[in-house]
Amino acid sequence: MKPKKLLQELELVAEKLGIQTVYDTFQGRGGGCRVIEDRYIVINSRLADEIKAELFLKALSELPIDEIYIKPEIRELLEEARKSKPQTGESKIM
């Protein structure tokens, strides 16, 4: 799947989970965050679509996705990202 299309699909998954997506210009890459009860995925708009999709995958792989419909190809990518998440003590985006 092309990076632009993958990014659109991941944005839809975030929307289904009630997560707001914010694109802005800042130093750094971005990732997931929580403000009180609201969840956000904040992405540096200057990044390539491939990097944006990678950040989405990492952020969404931390969340419970079993209760919503996700296209099988996207679900597989999220499961792969979940399996490759950093071990305790390593840095992560969330």
N, C-alpha and C. Protein backbone atom coordinates (compact mmCIF):
# COMPACT_ATOMS: atom_id res chain seq x y z
N MET A 1 0.85 -1.18 0.00
CA MET A 1 0.00 0.00 0.00
C MET A 1 0.90 1.24 0.00
N LYS A 2 0.54 2.21 -0.79
CA LYS A 2 1.33 3.44 -0.87
C LYS A 2 1.24 4.20 0.45
N PRO A 3 2.32 4.89 0.83
CA PRO A 3 2.36 5.59 2.12
C PRO A 3 1.20 6.56 2.33
N LYS A 4 0.82 7.30 1.30
CA LYS A 4 -0.28 8.28 1.43
C LYS A 4 -1.59 7.57 1.77
N LYS A 5 -1.88 6.45 1.10
CA LYS A 5 -3.09 5.69 1.35
C LYS A 5 -3.05 5.05 2.74
N LEU A 6 -1.89 4.51 3.12
CA LEU A 6 -1.74 3.92 4.45
C LEU A 6 -2.00 4.97 5.52
N LEU A 7 -1.46 6.15 5.32
CA LEU A 7 -1.65 7.24 6.27
C LEU A 7 -3.14 7.58 6.41
N GLN A 8 -3.86 7.63 5.30
CA GLN A 8 -5.30 7.90 5.34
C GLN A 8 -6.04 6.82 6.11
N GLU A 9 -5.67 5.56 5.89
CA GLU A 9 -6.32 4.45 6.59
C GLU A 9 -6.05 4.52 8.09
N LEU A 10 -4.83 4.86 8.46
CA LEU A 10 -4.47 4.97 9.88
C LEU A 10 -5.18 6.15 10.54
N GLU A 11 -5.37 7.23 9.80
CA GLU A 11 -6.14 8.36 10.32
C GLU A 11 -7.58 7.94 10.61
N LEU A 12 -8.15 7.09 9.76
CA LEU A 12 -9.51 6.58 9.98
C LEU A 12 -9.57 5.71 11.23
N VAL A 13 -8.56 4.88 11.44
CA VAL A 13 -8.52 4.05 12.65
C VAL A 13 -8.47 4.95 13.88
N ALA A 14 -7.63 5.96 13.85
CA ALA A 14 -7.54 6.90 14.97
C ALA A 14 -8.89 7.55 15.24
N GLU A 15 -9.56 7.96 14.18
CA GLU A 15 -10.88 8.59 14.31
C GLU A 15 -11.88 7.63 14.96
N LYS A 16 -11.87 6.36 14.54
CA LYS A 16 -12.78 5.36 15.12
C LYS A 16 -12.51 5.16 16.61
N LEU A 17 -11.26 5.34 17.02
CA LEU A 17 -10.89 5.19 18.42
C LEU A 17 -11.09 6.49 19.21
N GLY A 18 -11.57 7.53 18.55
CA GLY A 18 -11.81 8.80 19.23
C GLY A 18 -10.54 9.60 19.48
N ILE A 19 -9.52 9.35 18.68
CA ILE A 19 -8.25 10.04 18.83
C ILE A 19 -8.17 11.15 17.80
N GLN A 20 -7.82 12.34 18.26
CA GLN A 20 -7.69 13.47 17.36
C GLN A 20 -6.29 13.49 16.76
N THR A 21 -6.20 13.81 15.50
CA THR A 21 -4.92 13.91 14.81
C THR A 21 -4.58 15.37 14.62
N VAL A 22 -3.36 15.73 14.99
CA VAL A 22 -2.89 17.11 14.84
C VAL A 22 -1.61 17.09 14.02
N TYR A 23 -1.61 17.84 12.92
CA TYR A 23 -0.40 18.03 12.12
C TYR A 23 0.08 19.45 12.35
N ASP A 24 1.34 19.58 12.70
CA ASP A 24 1.90 20.91 12.94
C ASP A 24 3.40 20.86 12.65
N THR A 25 4.01 22.02 12.58
CA THR A 25 5.44 22.11 12.36
C THR A 25 6.12 22.36 13.71
N PHE A 26 7.06 21.50 14.07
CA PHE A 26 7.79 21.64 15.33
C PHE A 26 9.07 20.82 15.23
N GLN A 27 9.93 20.96 16.21
CA GLN A 27 11.13 20.14 16.24
C GLN A 27 10.75 18.77 16.78
N GLY A 28 11.30 17.74 16.21
CA GLY A 28 10.97 16.38 16.62
C GLY A 28 10.03 15.75 15.62
N ARG A 29 9.66 14.50 15.92
CA ARG A 29 8.83 13.73 14.99
C ARG A 29 7.36 13.73 15.39
N GLY A 30 7.09 13.48 16.65
CA GLY A 30 5.71 13.41 17.11
C GLY A 30 5.40 12.06 17.70
N GLY A 31 4.12 11.80 17.92
CA GLY A 31 3.67 10.54 18.49
C GLY A 31 2.35 10.72 19.20
N GLY A 32 2.02 9.77 20.03
CA GLY A 32 0.76 9.80 20.75
C GLY A 32 0.91 10.49 22.08
N CYS A 33 -0.17 11.12 22.54
CA CYS A 33 -0.17 11.73 23.87
C CYS A 33 -1.59 11.76 24.40
N ARG A 34 -1.68 12.00 25.69
CA ARG A 34 -2.98 12.07 26.35
C ARG A 34 -3.01 13.35 27.18
N VAL A 35 -4.09 14.10 27.05
CA VAL A 35 -4.30 15.31 27.85
C VAL A 35 -5.60 15.11 28.59
N ILE A 36 -5.50 14.91 29.88
CA ILE A 36 -6.61 14.55 30.75
C ILE A 36 -7.25 13.28 30.17
N GLU A 37 -8.43 13.37 29.61
CA GLU A 37 -9.09 12.18 29.04
C GLU A 37 -9.03 12.14 27.52
N ASP A 38 -8.51 13.19 26.91
CA ASP A 38 -8.45 13.26 25.45
C ASP A 38 -7.13 12.68 24.94
N ARG A 39 -7.22 11.92 23.86
CA ARG A 39 -6.02 11.34 23.23
C ARG A 39 -5.77 12.03 21.89
N TYR A 40 -4.48 12.21 21.61
CA TYR A 40 -4.06 12.87 20.38
C TYR A 40 -2.90 12.10 19.76
N ILE A 41 -2.81 12.20 18.46
CA ILE A 41 -1.59 11.81 17.76
C ILE A 41 -1.11 13.09 17.09
N VAL A 42 0.06 13.54 17.52
CA VAL A 42 0.62 14.80 17.03
C VAL A 42 1.78 14.44 16.10
N ILE A 43 1.72 14.93 14.88
CA ILE A 43 2.69 14.57 13.86
C ILE A 43 3.30 15.84 13.25
N ASN A 44 4.61 15.83 13.11
CA ASN A 44 5.29 16.92 12.44
C ASN A 44 4.92 16.89 10.95
N SER A 45 4.30 17.94 10.49
CA SER A 45 3.79 17.98 9.11
C SER A 45 4.90 18.00 8.06
N ARG A 46 6.14 18.27 8.46
CA ARG A 46 7.24 18.30 7.50
C ARG A 46 7.80 16.91 7.19
N LEU A 47 7.39 15.90 7.92
CA LEU A 47 7.92 14.55 7.71
C LEU A 47 7.35 13.92 6.45
N ALA A 48 8.08 12.97 5.91
CA ALA A 48 7.59 12.20 4.76
C ALA A 48 6.43 11.32 5.21
N ASP A 49 5.54 10.99 4.28
CA ASP A 49 4.37 10.17 4.60
C ASP A 49 4.76 8.83 5.22
N GLU A 50 5.89 8.25 4.81
CA GLU A 50 6.34 6.97 5.37
C GLU A 50 6.60 7.09 6.87
N ILE A 51 7.24 8.19 7.27
CA ILE A 51 7.56 8.42 8.69
C ILE A 51 6.28 8.71 9.46
N LYS A 52 5.39 9.49 8.88
CA LYS A 52 4.11 9.79 9.53
C LYS A 52 3.34 8.49 9.79
N ALA A 53 3.30 7.61 8.79
CA ALA A 53 2.60 6.33 8.95
C ALA A 53 3.26 5.48 10.03
N GLU A 54 4.58 5.48 10.09
CA GLU A 54 5.30 4.73 11.12
C GLU A 54 4.93 5.23 12.52
N LEU A 55 4.85 6.55 12.68
CA LEU A 55 4.47 7.13 13.96
C LEU A 55 3.04 6.75 14.33
N PHE A 56 2.14 6.78 13.36
CA PHE A 56 0.76 6.36 13.59
C PHE A 56 0.72 4.90 14.04
N LEU A 57 1.44 4.04 13.33
CA LEU A 57 1.44 2.61 13.67
C LEU A 57 1.93 2.39 15.09
N LYS A 58 3.00 3.07 15.47
CA LYS A 58 3.53 2.90 16.83
C LYS A 58 2.53 3.39 17.87
N ALA A 59 1.92 4.54 17.63
CA ALA A 59 0.97 5.09 18.60
C ALA A 59 -0.29 4.23 18.70
N LEU A 60 -0.84 3.82 17.56
CA LEU A 60 -2.07 3.04 17.56
C LEU A 60 -1.86 1.62 18.06
N SER A 61 -0.66 1.09 17.92
CA SER A 61 -0.40 -0.28 18.36
C SER A 61 -0.46 -0.42 19.88
N GLU A 62 -0.42 0.69 20.59
CA GLU A 62 -0.51 0.69 22.06
C GLU A 62 -1.95 0.63 22.55
N LEU A 63 -2.91 0.76 21.66
CA LEU A 63 -4.31 0.90 22.05
C LEU A 63 -5.11 -0.36 21.77
N PRO A 64 -6.23 -0.55 22.49
CA PRO A 64 -7.09 -1.71 22.23
C PRO A 64 -7.85 -1.52 20.91
N ILE A 65 -7.58 -2.37 19.95
CA ILE A 65 -8.19 -2.22 18.63
C ILE A 65 -9.13 -3.38 18.30
N ASP A 66 -9.34 -4.27 19.24
CA ASP A 66 -10.14 -5.47 18.98
C ASP A 66 -11.62 -5.18 18.78
N GLU A 67 -12.10 -4.07 19.29
CA GLU A 67 -13.53 -3.78 19.28
C GLU A 67 -14.00 -3.03 18.03
N ILE A 68 -13.08 -2.64 17.17
CA ILE A 68 -13.47 -1.88 15.98
C ILE A 68 -13.06 -2.63 14.72
N TYR A 69 -13.77 -2.35 13.64
CA TYR A 69 -13.39 -2.96 12.36
C TYR A 69 -12.21 -2.20 11.78
N ILE A 70 -11.19 -2.96 11.42
CA ILE A 70 -10.02 -2.42 10.74
C ILE A 70 -9.73 -3.34 9.57
N LYS A 71 -9.44 -2.78 8.43
CA LYS A 71 -9.10 -3.61 7.27
C LYS A 71 -7.99 -4.58 7.65
N PRO A 72 -8.09 -5.83 7.19
CA PRO A 72 -7.10 -6.85 7.58
C PRO A 72 -5.65 -6.44 7.34
N GLU A 73 -5.37 -5.79 6.23
CA GLU A 73 -3.99 -5.38 5.94
C GLU A 73 -3.48 -4.38 6.99
N ILE A 74 -4.35 -3.47 7.41
CA ILE A 74 -3.97 -2.47 8.40
C ILE A 74 -3.83 -3.12 9.77
N ARG A 75 -4.75 -4.01 10.11
CA ARG A 75 -4.69 -4.73 11.39
C ARG A 75 -3.38 -5.51 11.51
N GLU A 76 -2.98 -6.14 10.42
CA GLU A 76 -1.72 -6.90 10.41
C GLU A 76 -0.52 -5.98 10.68
N LEU A 77 -0.52 -4.82 10.07
CA LEU A 77 0.56 -3.86 10.31
C LEU A 77 0.58 -3.39 11.76
N LEU A 78 -0.61 -3.18 12.33
CA LEU A 78 -0.69 -2.77 13.74
C LEU A 78 -0.19 -3.87 14.66
N GLU A 79 -0.53 -5.11 14.36
CA GLU A 79 -0.05 -6.24 15.17
C GLU A 79 1.47 -6.36 15.08
N GLU A 80 2.02 -6.17 13.90
CA GLU A 80 3.48 -6.21 13.73
C GLU A 80 4.14 -5.10 14.55
N ALA A 81 3.55 -3.91 14.53
CA ALA A 81 4.10 -2.79 15.31
C ALA A 81 4.01 -3.09 16.80
N ARG A 82 2.93 -3.73 17.22
CA ARG A 82 2.77 -4.10 18.63
C ARG A 82 3.86 -5.08 19.06
N LYS A 83 4.16 -6.04 18.20
CA LYS A 83 5.18 -7.05 18.52
C LYS A 83 6.58 -6.45 18.58
N SER A 84 6.81 -5.41 17.81
CA SER A 84 8.15 -4.82 17.75
C SER A 84 8.31 -3.61 18.66
N LYS A 85 7.36 -3.41 19.60
CA LYS A 85 7.48 -2.25 20.48
C LYS A 85 8.69 -2.42 21.39
N PRO A 86 9.28 -1.29 21.84
CA PRO A 86 10.49 -1.34 22.65
C PRO A 86 10.29 -2.10 23.96
N GLN A 87 11.33 -2.75 24.43
CA GLN A 87 11.30 -3.44 25.71
C GLN A 87 11.40 -2.40 26.82
N THR A 88 11.09 -2.80 28.06
CA THR A 88 11.18 -1.92 29.21
C THR A 88 12.56 -1.28 29.27
N GLY A 89 12.58 0.02 29.52
CA GLY A 89 13.84 0.74 29.60
C GLY A 89 14.23 1.41 28.29
N GLU A 90 13.66 0.99 27.19
CA GLU A 90 13.93 1.63 25.90
C GLU A 90 12.93 2.76 25.70
N SER A 91 13.30 3.72 24.89
CA SER A 91 12.38 4.83 24.65
C SER A 91 11.28 4.41 23.69
N LYS A 92 10.14 5.06 23.83
CA LYS A 92 9.03 4.86 22.90
C LYS A 92 8.29 6.17 22.73
N ILE A 93 7.40 6.25 21.78
CA ILE A 93 6.77 7.53 21.47
C ILE A 93 5.59 7.86 22.38
N MET A 94 4.93 6.90 22.88
CA MET A 94 3.71 7.19 23.66
C MET A 94 4.07 7.75 25.00
